[in-house]
Amino acid sequence: MPTGSPLKDIIRVLVAAVRKRNVRMERDDGAVVVLKEDDANNDGERQLLSRTKGLRCLDKAAAIVVKDGDKEQEGEWSLCTVSEVEGMKILVRMLPIWVTCVLYAAPLGQMTTTFIQQGMAMDTRLGGRFKVPVVSLVSVEVVFMLLWVVSHDAAIIPAARRLTGRPSGLTQLQRMGVGRFLVVLALGRPRSSRGAGSAPSTEGAGR
């Protein structure tokens, strides 16, 4: 089982990468700098990760510094393993997804606040007698979500399979990107509608 704090490993990689920011990953003779590999006999305490391309500045945290043919004695805050560096790379690559989650959280907050306020100002009567409870307007989210799931499986994914040639149609990252794009359009549309509706009244006030 993994032991220790993952936060410590993250900070260690950052500290080691900053300390070795001037280290060149290629030597003058063209040889590549050796990186500290993980211990093969770790008894499953840590998941072994292979080195990936990109974010090479973090690779310096695992670079073994050699001077005059001898390896320097480096502590745990100056030298990390490849798996520790790759774990940090995974977190950095996930940052754009975490940041854009606010685009998804914003409309969810509207469901339980703005919807109820709009319902209190609306005429919720149907047929003159039946009055829709204001709180039940939140169920509109569930109804449209069910409709989206049906259209997603019946039309969108089959069309994506034909366009991309993949069995899944779209990758998970592409689905998240499309979802966030649609959220931006959904939030921007009411704003533009209010702006267009307020123009006549402003002009009238000026007269």
N, C-alpha and C. Protein backbone atom coordinates (compact mmCIF):
# COMPACT_ATOMS: atom_id res chain seq x y z
N MET A 1 0.84 -1.20 0.00
CA MET A 1 0.00 0.00 0.00
C MET A 1 0.88 1.25 0.00
N PRO A 2 0.45 2.31 -0.73
CA PRO A 2 1.24 3.55 -0.73
C PRO A 2 1.33 4.14 0.66
N THR A 3 2.47 4.67 1.01
CA THR A 3 2.68 5.28 2.31
C THR A 3 3.19 6.70 2.12
N GLY A 4 3.07 7.49 3.20
CA GLY A 4 3.55 8.86 3.13
C GLY A 4 2.52 9.81 2.55
N SER A 5 2.85 11.08 2.61
CA SER A 5 1.94 12.12 2.12
C SER A 5 2.25 12.44 0.66
N PRO A 6 1.25 12.38 -0.23
CA PRO A 6 1.50 12.77 -1.62
C PRO A 6 1.85 14.24 -1.77
N LEU A 7 1.37 15.07 -0.84
CA LEU A 7 1.69 16.50 -0.90
C LEU A 7 3.19 16.73 -0.73
N LYS A 8 3.82 15.91 0.11
CA LYS A 8 5.26 16.04 0.30
C LYS A 8 6.01 15.74 -0.99
N ASP A 9 5.57 14.71 -1.72
CA ASP A 9 6.23 14.38 -2.99
C ASP A 9 6.07 15.50 -4.01
N ILE A 10 4.90 16.13 -4.02
CA ILE A 10 4.66 17.23 -4.95
C ILE A 10 5.61 18.39 -4.65
N ILE A 11 5.72 18.74 -3.37
CA ILE A 11 6.59 19.86 -2.99
C ILE A 11 8.04 19.50 -3.26
N ARG A 12 8.43 18.24 -3.02
CA ARG A 12 9.80 17.82 -3.27
C ARG A 12 10.17 17.97 -4.74
N VAL A 13 9.25 17.58 -5.63
CA VAL A 13 9.53 17.70 -7.07
C VAL A 13 9.70 19.16 -7.45
N LEU A 14 8.84 20.04 -6.94
CA LEU A 14 8.94 21.46 -7.26
C LEU A 14 10.24 22.06 -6.73
N VAL A 15 10.60 21.72 -5.49
CA VAL A 15 11.81 22.25 -4.90
C VAL A 15 13.04 21.76 -5.66
N ALA A 16 13.07 20.46 -5.98
CA ALA A 16 14.22 19.91 -6.70
C ALA A 16 14.33 20.50 -8.10
N ALA A 17 13.18 20.71 -8.77
CA ALA A 17 13.21 21.28 -10.12
C ALA A 17 13.71 22.72 -10.09
N VAL A 18 13.34 23.47 -9.05
CA VAL A 18 13.81 24.86 -8.94
C VAL A 18 15.30 24.89 -8.64
N ARG A 19 15.74 24.00 -7.77
CA ARG A 19 17.17 23.97 -7.43
C ARG A 19 18.03 23.61 -8.64
N LYS A 20 17.49 22.77 -9.52
CA LYS A 20 18.26 22.32 -10.68
C LYS A 20 17.81 23.00 -11.96
N ARG A 21 17.27 24.19 -11.86
CA ARG A 21 16.75 24.88 -13.03
C ARG A 21 17.84 25.18 -14.06
N ASN A 22 19.09 25.25 -13.62
CA ASN A 22 20.20 25.53 -14.54
C ASN A 22 20.87 24.26 -15.06
N VAL A 23 20.40 23.11 -14.64
CA VAL A 23 20.99 21.85 -15.11
C VAL A 23 20.54 21.57 -16.55
N ARG A 24 21.49 21.23 -17.39
CA ARG A 24 21.17 20.90 -18.78
C ARG A 24 20.86 19.43 -18.88
N MET A 25 19.80 19.11 -19.62
CA MET A 25 19.41 17.71 -19.77
C MET A 25 20.29 16.97 -20.77
N GLU A 26 21.10 17.69 -21.51
CA GLU A 26 22.06 17.07 -22.42
C GLU A 26 23.45 17.62 -22.11
N ARG A 27 24.43 16.75 -22.06
CA ARG A 27 25.79 17.17 -21.77
C ARG A 27 26.46 17.74 -23.02
N ASP A 28 27.63 18.27 -22.82
CA ASP A 28 28.37 18.86 -23.93
C ASP A 28 28.73 17.83 -24.99
N ASP A 29 28.94 16.58 -24.57
CA ASP A 29 29.29 15.54 -25.53
C ASP A 29 28.07 14.92 -26.21
N GLY A 30 26.88 15.46 -25.93
CA GLY A 30 25.66 14.96 -26.56
C GLY A 30 24.96 13.87 -25.79
N ALA A 31 25.56 13.38 -24.73
CA ALA A 31 24.94 12.32 -23.93
C ALA A 31 23.79 12.90 -23.10
N VAL A 32 22.78 12.07 -22.89
CA VAL A 32 21.62 12.50 -22.12
C VAL A 32 21.91 12.32 -20.63
N VAL A 33 21.44 13.26 -19.84
CA VAL A 33 21.64 13.18 -18.40
C VAL A 33 20.85 12.00 -17.85
N VAL A 34 21.49 11.24 -16.97
CA VAL A 34 20.85 10.06 -16.39
C VAL A 34 19.83 10.50 -15.34
N LEU A 35 18.66 9.87 -15.37
CA LEU A 35 17.62 10.16 -14.40
C LEU A 35 17.54 9.05 -13.36
N LYS A 36 17.15 9.41 -12.17
CA LYS A 36 17.04 8.44 -11.10
C LYS A 36 15.81 7.57 -11.32
N GLU A 37 16.02 6.31 -11.53
CA GLU A 37 14.92 5.38 -11.74
C GLU A 37 14.37 4.92 -10.40
N ASP A 38 13.15 4.36 -10.45
CA ASP A 38 12.53 3.86 -9.23
C ASP A 38 13.11 2.51 -8.86
N ASP A 39 13.04 2.22 -7.59
CA ASP A 39 13.50 0.94 -7.09
C ASP A 39 12.55 -0.15 -7.56
N ALA A 40 13.08 -1.16 -8.23
CA ALA A 40 12.23 -2.24 -8.73
C ALA A 40 11.67 -3.09 -7.60
N ASN A 41 12.31 -3.07 -6.44
CA ASN A 41 11.87 -3.88 -5.31
C ASN A 41 11.18 -3.01 -4.26
N ASN A 42 10.19 -2.26 -4.72
CA ASN A 42 9.48 -1.39 -3.76
C ASN A 42 8.30 -2.08 -3.11
N ASP A 43 8.08 -3.37 -3.42
CA ASP A 43 7.01 -4.17 -2.79
C ASP A 43 5.64 -3.53 -2.97
N GLY A 44 5.44 -2.84 -4.08
CA GLY A 44 4.14 -2.24 -4.36
C GLY A 44 3.82 -1.00 -3.56
N GLU A 45 4.81 -0.44 -2.85
CA GLU A 45 4.55 0.75 -2.07
C GLU A 45 4.26 1.96 -2.94
N ARG A 46 4.76 1.97 -4.18
CA ARG A 46 4.56 3.10 -5.06
C ARG A 46 4.33 2.59 -6.48
N GLN A 47 3.36 3.21 -7.15
CA GLN A 47 3.09 2.84 -8.53
C GLN A 47 4.19 3.37 -9.44
N LEU A 48 4.76 2.48 -10.24
CA LEU A 48 5.85 2.87 -11.12
C LEU A 48 5.28 3.49 -12.38
N LEU A 49 5.79 4.64 -12.77
CA LEU A 49 5.34 5.37 -13.95
C LEU A 49 6.50 5.55 -14.90
N SER A 50 6.22 5.40 -16.18
CA SER A 50 7.26 5.58 -17.19
C SER A 50 7.39 7.05 -17.55
N ARG A 51 8.56 7.42 -18.00
CA ARG A 51 8.81 8.82 -18.37
C ARG A 51 8.04 9.17 -19.62
N THR A 52 7.46 10.35 -19.62
CA THR A 52 6.70 10.85 -20.76
C THR A 52 7.34 12.12 -21.29
N LYS A 53 6.95 12.48 -22.50
CA LYS A 53 7.44 13.72 -23.09
C LYS A 53 6.65 14.90 -22.55
N GLY A 54 7.21 16.06 -22.69
CA GLY A 54 6.56 17.27 -22.22
C GLY A 54 6.94 17.61 -20.79
N LEU A 55 6.81 18.90 -20.45
CA LEU A 55 7.13 19.41 -19.12
C LEU A 55 8.54 18.98 -18.70
N ARG A 56 9.48 19.14 -19.61
CA ARG A 56 10.85 18.70 -19.35
C ARG A 56 11.51 19.46 -18.21
N CYS A 57 10.97 20.61 -17.88
CA CYS A 57 11.54 21.35 -16.76
C CYS A 57 11.40 20.58 -15.46
N LEU A 58 10.36 19.75 -15.35
CA LEU A 58 10.20 18.94 -14.15
C LEU A 58 11.11 17.73 -14.16
N ASP A 59 11.55 17.30 -15.35
CA ASP A 59 12.48 16.17 -15.41
C ASP A 59 13.80 16.47 -14.70
N LYS A 60 14.13 17.73 -14.58
CA LYS A 60 15.39 18.09 -13.91
C LYS A 60 15.40 17.66 -12.46
N ALA A 61 14.21 17.48 -11.86
CA ALA A 61 14.16 17.05 -10.47
C ALA A 61 14.71 15.65 -10.30
N ALA A 62 14.68 14.84 -11.37
CA ALA A 62 15.19 13.47 -11.30
C ALA A 62 16.56 13.33 -11.94
N ALA A 63 17.15 14.43 -12.39
CA ALA A 63 18.46 14.37 -13.04
C ALA A 63 19.56 14.13 -12.01
N ILE A 64 20.43 13.21 -12.31
CA ILE A 64 21.57 12.90 -11.45
C ILE A 64 22.74 13.78 -11.88
N VAL A 65 23.19 14.64 -10.99
CA VAL A 65 24.27 15.57 -11.29
C VAL A 65 25.61 14.85 -11.14
N VAL A 66 26.43 14.95 -12.18
CA VAL A 66 27.76 14.32 -12.17
C VAL A 66 28.82 15.40 -12.39
N LYS A 67 29.78 15.47 -11.50
CA LYS A 67 30.89 16.42 -11.63
C LYS A 67 32.21 15.67 -11.52
N ASP A 68 33.07 15.91 -12.50
CA ASP A 68 34.38 15.26 -12.54
C ASP A 68 34.26 13.74 -12.50
N GLY A 69 33.21 13.22 -13.13
CA GLY A 69 33.03 11.78 -13.21
C GLY A 69 32.43 11.14 -11.99
N ASP A 70 32.13 11.90 -10.95
CA ASP A 70 31.55 11.36 -9.72
C ASP A 70 30.16 11.95 -9.52
N LYS A 71 29.27 11.13 -8.98
CA LYS A 71 27.92 11.59 -8.68
C LYS A 71 27.92 12.40 -7.41
N GLU A 72 27.17 13.49 -7.45
CA GLU A 72 27.05 14.31 -6.26
C GLU A 72 26.12 13.64 -5.25
N GLN A 73 26.42 13.86 -3.99
CA GLN A 73 25.54 13.37 -2.94
C GLN A 73 24.36 14.33 -2.78
N GLU A 74 23.19 13.85 -3.12
CA GLU A 74 22.00 14.70 -3.09
C GLU A 74 20.97 14.11 -2.13
N GLY A 75 20.32 14.99 -1.40
CA GLY A 75 19.27 14.57 -0.48
C GLY A 75 17.94 14.39 -1.18
N GLU A 76 16.92 14.03 -0.39
CA GLU A 76 15.61 13.77 -0.97
C GLU A 76 14.94 15.04 -1.48
N TRP A 77 15.41 16.20 -1.04
CA TRP A 77 14.84 17.46 -1.52
C TRP A 77 15.59 18.01 -2.73
N SER A 78 16.56 17.25 -3.21
CA SER A 78 17.30 17.65 -4.40
C SER A 78 17.23 16.63 -5.51
N LEU A 79 16.79 15.42 -5.19
CA LEU A 79 16.74 14.35 -6.19
C LEU A 79 15.48 13.53 -5.98
N CYS A 80 14.66 13.43 -7.02
CA CYS A 80 13.42 12.66 -6.99
C CYS A 80 13.51 11.54 -8.01
N THR A 81 12.57 10.62 -7.94
CA THR A 81 12.52 9.52 -8.89
C THR A 81 11.66 9.90 -10.09
N VAL A 82 11.75 9.08 -11.13
CA VAL A 82 10.97 9.34 -12.35
C VAL A 82 9.48 9.27 -12.05
N SER A 83 9.06 8.30 -11.24
CA SER A 83 7.63 8.17 -10.92
C SER A 83 7.12 9.38 -10.16
N GLU A 84 7.91 9.92 -9.26
CA GLU A 84 7.49 11.11 -8.54
C GLU A 84 7.35 12.30 -9.47
N VAL A 85 8.25 12.42 -10.41
CA VAL A 85 8.16 13.51 -11.39
C VAL A 85 6.94 13.32 -12.29
N GLU A 86 6.70 12.09 -12.72
CA GLU A 86 5.55 11.84 -13.59
C GLU A 86 4.23 12.07 -12.85
N GLY A 87 4.20 11.78 -11.56
CA GLY A 87 3.00 12.09 -10.79
C GLY A 87 2.72 13.57 -10.75
N MET A 88 3.78 14.38 -10.65
CA MET A 88 3.61 15.83 -10.70
C MET A 88 3.14 16.28 -12.07
N LYS A 89 3.65 15.65 -13.12
CA LYS A 89 3.21 16.00 -14.47
C LYS A 89 1.72 15.73 -14.66
N ILE A 90 1.24 14.63 -14.09
CA ILE A 90 -0.18 14.31 -14.20
C ILE A 90 -1.03 15.40 -13.57
N LEU A 91 -0.61 15.89 -12.41
CA LEU A 91 -1.36 16.97 -11.74
C LEU A 91 -1.34 18.25 -12.57
N VAL A 92 -0.20 18.58 -13.14
CA VAL A 92 -0.10 19.81 -13.94
C VAL A 92 -1.01 19.70 -15.17
N ARG A 93 -1.04 18.52 -15.80
CA ARG A 93 -1.87 18.36 -16.99
C ARG A 93 -3.36 18.37 -16.66
N MET A 94 -3.70 18.11 -15.42
CA MET A 94 -5.11 18.14 -15.02
C MET A 94 -5.58 19.53 -14.60
N LEU A 95 -4.65 20.46 -14.43
CA LEU A 95 -5.03 21.81 -13.98
C LEU A 95 -6.04 22.49 -14.90
N PRO A 96 -5.88 22.41 -16.25
CA PRO A 96 -6.90 23.05 -17.10
C PRO A 96 -8.31 22.49 -16.88
N ILE A 97 -8.40 21.20 -16.60
CA ILE A 97 -9.71 20.59 -16.35
C ILE A 97 -10.28 21.10 -15.04
N TRP A 98 -9.43 21.17 -14.00
CA TRP A 98 -9.92 21.68 -12.72
C TRP A 98 -10.36 23.13 -12.82
N VAL A 99 -9.59 23.94 -13.54
CA VAL A 99 -9.93 25.36 -13.64
C VAL A 99 -11.25 25.56 -14.37
N THR A 100 -11.46 24.80 -15.45
CA THR A 100 -12.70 24.96 -16.21
C THR A 100 -13.90 24.32 -15.53
N CYS A 101 -13.70 23.63 -14.42
CA CYS A 101 -14.85 23.06 -13.69
C CYS A 101 -15.77 24.15 -13.17
N VAL A 102 -15.25 25.38 -13.02
CA VAL A 102 -16.10 26.47 -12.56
C VAL A 102 -17.19 26.76 -13.58
N LEU A 103 -16.91 26.49 -14.87
CA LEU A 103 -17.93 26.69 -15.90
C LEU A 103 -19.08 25.71 -15.74
N TYR A 104 -18.78 24.55 -15.18
CA TYR A 104 -19.83 23.55 -14.95
C TYR A 104 -20.54 23.79 -13.62
N ALA A 105 -19.79 24.29 -12.62
CA ALA A 105 -20.39 24.52 -11.31
C ALA A 105 -21.30 25.74 -11.29
N ALA A 106 -21.03 26.72 -12.16
CA ALA A 106 -21.84 27.94 -12.17
C ALA A 106 -23.31 27.67 -12.49
N PRO A 107 -23.63 26.92 -13.57
CA PRO A 107 -25.06 26.68 -13.83
C PRO A 107 -25.71 25.78 -12.79
N LEU A 108 -24.95 24.89 -12.15
CA LEU A 108 -25.54 24.06 -11.10
C LEU A 108 -26.01 24.92 -9.93
N GLY A 109 -25.26 25.97 -9.63
CA GLY A 109 -25.68 26.87 -8.57
C GLY A 109 -26.94 27.65 -8.93
N GLN A 110 -27.16 27.86 -10.23
CA GLN A 110 -28.36 28.59 -10.67
C GLN A 110 -29.62 27.77 -10.46
N MET A 111 -29.49 26.45 -10.45
CA MET A 111 -30.68 25.60 -10.37
C MET A 111 -31.44 25.82 -9.06
N THR A 112 -30.74 25.99 -7.97
CA THR A 112 -31.38 26.08 -6.66
C THR A 112 -31.55 27.51 -6.17
N THR A 113 -31.12 28.48 -6.94
CA THR A 113 -31.24 29.88 -6.51
C THR A 113 -32.03 30.71 -7.52
N THR A 114 -31.46 30.90 -8.69
CA THR A 114 -32.10 31.76 -9.69
C THR A 114 -33.42 31.19 -10.18
N PHE A 115 -33.50 29.87 -10.33
CA PHE A 115 -34.75 29.27 -10.79
C PHE A 115 -35.89 29.57 -9.84
N ILE A 116 -35.63 29.49 -8.55
CA ILE A 116 -36.69 29.76 -7.58
C ILE A 116 -37.07 31.24 -7.59
N GLN A 117 -36.08 32.11 -7.70
CA GLN A 117 -36.37 33.55 -7.75
C GLN A 117 -37.16 33.89 -9.01
N GLN A 118 -36.82 33.28 -10.13
CA GLN A 118 -37.59 33.52 -11.35
C GLN A 118 -39.01 33.01 -11.20
N GLY A 119 -39.16 31.85 -10.56
CA GLY A 119 -40.51 31.29 -10.38
C GLY A 119 -41.39 32.16 -9.51
N MET A 120 -40.81 32.83 -8.53
CA MET A 120 -41.60 33.70 -7.67
C MET A 120 -42.09 34.93 -8.41
N ALA A 121 -41.38 35.32 -9.46
CA ALA A 121 -41.78 36.50 -10.25
C ALA A 121 -42.61 36.13 -11.47
N MET A 122 -42.75 34.84 -11.77
CA MET A 122 -43.47 34.39 -12.96
C MET A 122 -44.92 34.06 -12.63
N ASP A 123 -45.72 34.04 -13.67
CA ASP A 123 -47.09 33.55 -13.55
C ASP A 123 -47.05 32.06 -13.84
N THR A 124 -47.09 31.25 -12.82
CA THR A 124 -46.93 29.80 -12.95
C THR A 124 -48.26 29.07 -13.13
N ARG A 125 -49.31 29.75 -13.46
CA ARG A 125 -50.61 29.10 -13.66
C ARG A 125 -50.68 28.43 -15.03
N LEU A 126 -51.29 27.26 -15.05
CA LEU A 126 -51.51 26.51 -16.29
C LEU A 126 -53.00 26.28 -16.46
N GLY A 127 -53.56 26.74 -17.59
CA GLY A 127 -54.99 26.54 -17.82
C GLY A 127 -55.87 27.40 -16.95
N GLY A 128 -55.28 28.38 -16.26
CA GLY A 128 -56.10 29.28 -15.47
C GLY A 128 -56.35 28.83 -14.05
N ARG A 129 -56.30 27.52 -13.80
CA ARG A 129 -56.61 27.03 -12.46
C ARG A 129 -55.41 26.38 -11.77
N PHE A 130 -54.72 25.52 -12.52
CA PHE A 130 -53.61 24.78 -11.92
C PHE A 130 -52.40 25.69 -11.82
N LYS A 131 -51.83 25.76 -10.63
CA LYS A 131 -50.67 26.59 -10.39
C LYS A 131 -49.48 25.70 -10.07
N VAL A 132 -48.42 25.84 -10.86
CA VAL A 132 -47.22 25.04 -10.67
C VAL A 132 -46.46 25.57 -9.46
N PRO A 133 -46.13 24.69 -8.51
CA PRO A 133 -45.35 25.15 -7.36
C PRO A 133 -43.99 25.69 -7.79
N VAL A 134 -43.57 26.75 -7.15
CA VAL A 134 -42.31 27.39 -7.53
C VAL A 134 -41.13 26.44 -7.35
N VAL A 135 -41.14 25.68 -6.27
CA VAL A 135 -40.01 24.80 -5.99
C VAL A 135 -39.88 23.71 -7.04
N SER A 136 -41.00 23.32 -7.67
CA SER A 136 -40.95 22.24 -8.66
C SER A 136 -40.26 22.66 -9.96
N LEU A 137 -39.98 23.95 -10.12
CA LEU A 137 -39.28 24.38 -11.33
C LEU A 137 -37.87 23.81 -11.41
N VAL A 138 -37.34 23.40 -10.27
CA VAL A 138 -36.01 22.79 -10.27
C VAL A 138 -36.02 21.49 -11.06
N SER A 139 -37.18 20.85 -11.16
CA SER A 139 -37.28 19.58 -11.90
C SER A 139 -37.03 19.77 -13.40
N VAL A 140 -37.04 21.02 -13.88
CA VAL A 140 -36.73 21.27 -15.29
C VAL A 140 -35.33 20.78 -15.62
N GLU A 141 -34.41 20.93 -14.68
CA GLU A 141 -33.05 20.45 -14.88
C GLU A 141 -33.04 18.94 -15.11
N VAL A 142 -33.80 18.20 -14.31
CA VAL A 142 -33.82 16.74 -14.43
C VAL A 142 -34.44 16.33 -15.76
N VAL A 143 -35.51 16.99 -16.16
CA VAL A 143 -36.18 16.65 -17.41
C VAL A 143 -35.25 16.83 -18.61
N PHE A 144 -34.58 17.98 -18.67
CA PHE A 144 -33.68 18.24 -19.80
C PHE A 144 -32.44 17.36 -19.75
N MET A 145 -32.02 16.98 -18.55
CA MET A 145 -30.88 16.08 -18.44
C MET A 145 -31.24 14.70 -19.00
N LEU A 146 -32.45 14.23 -18.70
CA LEU A 146 -32.89 12.95 -19.24
C LEU A 146 -33.02 13.01 -20.77
N LEU A 147 -33.54 14.12 -21.27
CA LEU A 147 -33.65 14.27 -22.72
C LEU A 147 -32.27 14.31 -23.38
N TRP A 148 -31.31 14.94 -22.72
CA TRP A 148 -29.96 15.01 -23.27
C TRP A 148 -29.31 13.63 -23.29
N VAL A 149 -29.54 12.84 -22.24
CA VAL A 149 -28.96 11.49 -22.20
C VAL A 149 -29.50 10.64 -23.35
N VAL A 150 -30.80 10.76 -23.61
CA VAL A 150 -31.41 9.98 -24.69
C VAL A 150 -30.85 10.42 -26.04
N SER A 151 -30.78 11.73 -26.27
CA SER A 151 -30.25 12.22 -27.55
C SER A 151 -28.75 11.94 -27.67
N HIS A 152 -28.05 11.93 -26.56
CA HIS A 152 -26.61 11.65 -26.56
C HIS A 152 -26.34 10.24 -27.05
N ASP A 153 -27.10 9.26 -26.52
CA ASP A 153 -26.88 7.86 -26.89
C ASP A 153 -27.49 7.51 -28.24
N ALA A 154 -28.57 8.19 -28.61
CA ALA A 154 -29.28 7.81 -29.84
C ALA A 154 -28.79 8.55 -31.08
N ALA A 155 -28.27 9.75 -30.92
CA ALA A 155 -27.91 10.54 -32.10
C ALA A 155 -26.48 11.06 -32.08
N ILE A 156 -26.06 11.66 -30.97
CA ILE A 156 -24.76 12.33 -30.94
C ILE A 156 -23.61 11.34 -31.04
N ILE A 157 -23.61 10.30 -30.20
CA ILE A 157 -22.52 9.34 -30.22
C ILE A 157 -22.46 8.56 -31.53
N PRO A 158 -23.58 8.06 -32.10
CA PRO A 158 -23.49 7.41 -33.42
C PRO A 158 -22.92 8.33 -34.49
N ALA A 159 -23.30 9.62 -34.48
CA ALA A 159 -22.74 10.56 -35.46
C ALA A 159 -21.25 10.76 -35.23
N ALA A 160 -20.84 10.82 -33.96
CA ALA A 160 -19.42 10.99 -33.66
C ALA A 160 -18.62 9.76 -34.08
N ARG A 161 -19.20 8.58 -33.97
CA ARG A 161 -18.51 7.36 -34.40
C ARG A 161 -18.25 7.38 -35.90
N ARG A 162 -19.22 7.87 -36.65
CA ARG A 162 -19.03 7.93 -38.10
C ARG A 162 -17.98 8.97 -38.49
N LEU A 163 -17.90 10.06 -37.73
CA LEU A 163 -16.94 11.11 -38.06
C LEU A 163 -15.53 10.77 -37.62
N THR A 164 -15.38 10.20 -36.42
CA THR A 164 -14.06 9.95 -35.86
C THR A 164 -13.55 8.54 -36.13
N GLY A 165 -14.46 7.59 -36.35
CA GLY A 165 -14.04 6.20 -36.55
C GLY A 165 -13.71 5.48 -35.26
N ARG A 166 -13.92 6.10 -34.11
CA ARG A 166 -13.65 5.45 -32.83
C ARG A 166 -14.91 4.75 -32.33
N PRO A 167 -14.77 3.62 -31.64
CA PRO A 167 -15.95 2.94 -31.08
C PRO A 167 -16.69 3.79 -30.05
N SER A 168 -15.94 4.59 -29.30
CA SER A 168 -16.58 5.44 -28.30
C SER A 168 -17.08 6.77 -28.86
N GLY A 169 -16.74 7.06 -30.10
CA GLY A 169 -17.16 8.32 -30.70
C GLY A 169 -16.26 9.47 -30.31
N LEU A 170 -16.32 9.86 -29.06
CA LEU A 170 -15.50 10.95 -28.53
C LEU A 170 -14.74 10.45 -27.31
N THR A 171 -13.55 10.96 -27.13
CA THR A 171 -12.79 10.62 -25.93
C THR A 171 -13.39 11.35 -24.73
N GLN A 172 -12.99 10.91 -23.52
CA GLN A 172 -13.51 11.54 -22.32
C GLN A 172 -13.13 13.02 -22.26
N LEU A 173 -11.92 13.35 -22.70
CA LEU A 173 -11.49 14.74 -22.69
C LEU A 173 -12.30 15.58 -23.67
N GLN A 174 -12.60 15.01 -24.84
CA GLN A 174 -13.41 15.73 -25.82
C GLN A 174 -14.83 15.93 -25.31
N ARG A 175 -15.37 14.96 -24.61
CA ARG A 175 -16.73 15.11 -24.07
C ARG A 175 -16.78 16.21 -23.02
N MET A 176 -15.74 16.27 -22.17
CA MET A 176 -15.70 17.34 -21.18
C MET A 176 -15.56 18.70 -21.86
N GLY A 177 -14.76 18.77 -22.92
CA GLY A 177 -14.60 20.03 -23.63
C GLY A 177 -15.88 20.50 -24.28
N VAL A 178 -16.60 19.58 -24.91
CA VAL A 178 -17.88 19.93 -25.54
C VAL A 178 -18.89 20.38 -24.48
N GLY A 179 -18.90 19.68 -23.35
CA GLY A 179 -19.83 20.06 -22.28
C GLY A 179 -19.57 21.44 -21.75
N ARG A 180 -18.30 21.78 -21.56
CA ARG A 180 -17.98 23.12 -21.06
C ARG A 180 -18.27 24.19 -22.10
N PHE A 181 -18.10 23.88 -23.37
CA PHE A 181 -18.43 24.84 -24.43
C PHE A 181 -19.93 25.11 -24.45
N LEU A 182 -20.74 24.07 -24.30
CA LEU A 182 -22.19 24.25 -24.28
C LEU A 182 -22.64 25.04 -23.05
N VAL A 183 -21.95 24.84 -21.93
CA VAL A 183 -22.29 25.59 -20.73
C VAL A 183 -22.03 27.07 -20.93
N VAL A 184 -20.91 27.40 -21.59
CA VAL A 184 -20.60 28.81 -21.86
C VAL A 184 -21.67 29.44 -22.74
N LEU A 185 -22.12 28.69 -23.76
CA LEU A 185 -23.19 29.21 -24.62
C LEU A 185 -24.49 29.39 -23.85
N ALA A 186 -24.79 28.43 -22.96
CA ALA A 186 -26.03 28.52 -22.19
C ALA A 186 -26.02 29.70 -21.23
N LEU A 187 -24.86 29.98 -20.62
CA LEU A 187 -24.77 31.11 -19.70
C LEU A 187 -24.68 32.44 -20.43
N GLY A 188 -24.10 32.44 -21.63
CA GLY A 188 -23.97 33.68 -22.38
C GLY A 188 -25.25 34.12 -23.05
N ARG A 189 -26.12 33.17 -23.40
CA ARG A 189 -27.37 33.50 -24.09
C ARG A 189 -28.31 34.36 -23.24
N PRO A 190 -28.58 34.01 -21.97
CA PRO A 190 -29.45 34.89 -21.17
C PRO A 190 -28.88 36.28 -21.00
N ARG A 191 -27.55 36.39 -20.88
CA ARG A 191 -26.93 37.69 -20.72
C ARG A 191 -27.15 38.55 -21.95
N SER A 192 -26.97 37.96 -23.13
CA SER A 192 -27.18 38.73 -24.36
C SER A 192 -28.64 39.08 -24.55
N SER A 193 -29.54 38.22 -24.09
CA SER A 193 -30.97 38.51 -24.22
C SER A 193 -31.36 39.68 -23.33
N ARG A 194 -30.82 39.70 -22.11
CA ARG A 194 -31.13 40.83 -21.22
C ARG A 194 -30.57 42.14 -21.77
N GLY A 195 -29.38 42.05 -22.39
CA GLY A 195 -28.79 43.26 -22.96
C GLY A 195 -29.60 43.79 -24.11
N ALA A 196 -30.14 42.88 -24.95
CA ALA A 196 -30.95 43.31 -26.09
C ALA A 196 -32.28 43.87 -25.63
N GLY A 197 -32.83 43.27 -24.55
CA GLY A 197 -34.13 43.74 -24.08
C GLY A 197 -34.06 45.06 -23.36
N SER A 198 -32.92 45.40 -22.81
CA SER A 198 -32.82 46.64 -22.05
C SER A 198 -32.52 47.85 -22.93
N ALA A 199 -32.15 47.61 -24.19
CA ALA A 199 -31.78 48.73 -25.06
C ALA A 199 -32.93 49.69 -25.32
N PRO A 200 -34.19 49.19 -25.66
CA PRO A 200 -35.29 50.11 -25.94
C PRO A 200 -35.63 50.97 -24.74
N SER A 201 -35.64 50.33 -23.52
CA SER A 201 -36.01 51.11 -22.36
C SER A 201 -35.01 52.23 -22.08
N THR A 202 -33.73 51.96 -22.32
CA THR A 202 -32.70 52.98 -22.10
C THR A 202 -32.87 54.14 -23.07
N GLU A 203 -33.19 53.77 -24.32
CA GLU A 203 -33.36 54.82 -25.30
C GLU A 203 -34.58 55.66 -24.98
N GLY A 204 -35.64 54.98 -24.50
CA GLY A 204 -36.85 55.72 -24.13
C GLY A 204 -36.62 56.65 -22.98
N ALA A 205 -35.78 56.19 -22.04
CA ALA A 205 -35.50 57.04 -20.88
C ALA A 205 -34.74 58.29 -21.27
N GLY A 206 -33.88 58.14 -22.31
CA GLY A 206 -33.11 59.31 -22.75
C GLY A 206 -33.99 60.36 -23.37
N ARG A 207 -35.09 59.91 -24.01
CA ARG A 207 -36.00 60.89 -24.60
C ARG A 207 -36.80 61.62 -23.53
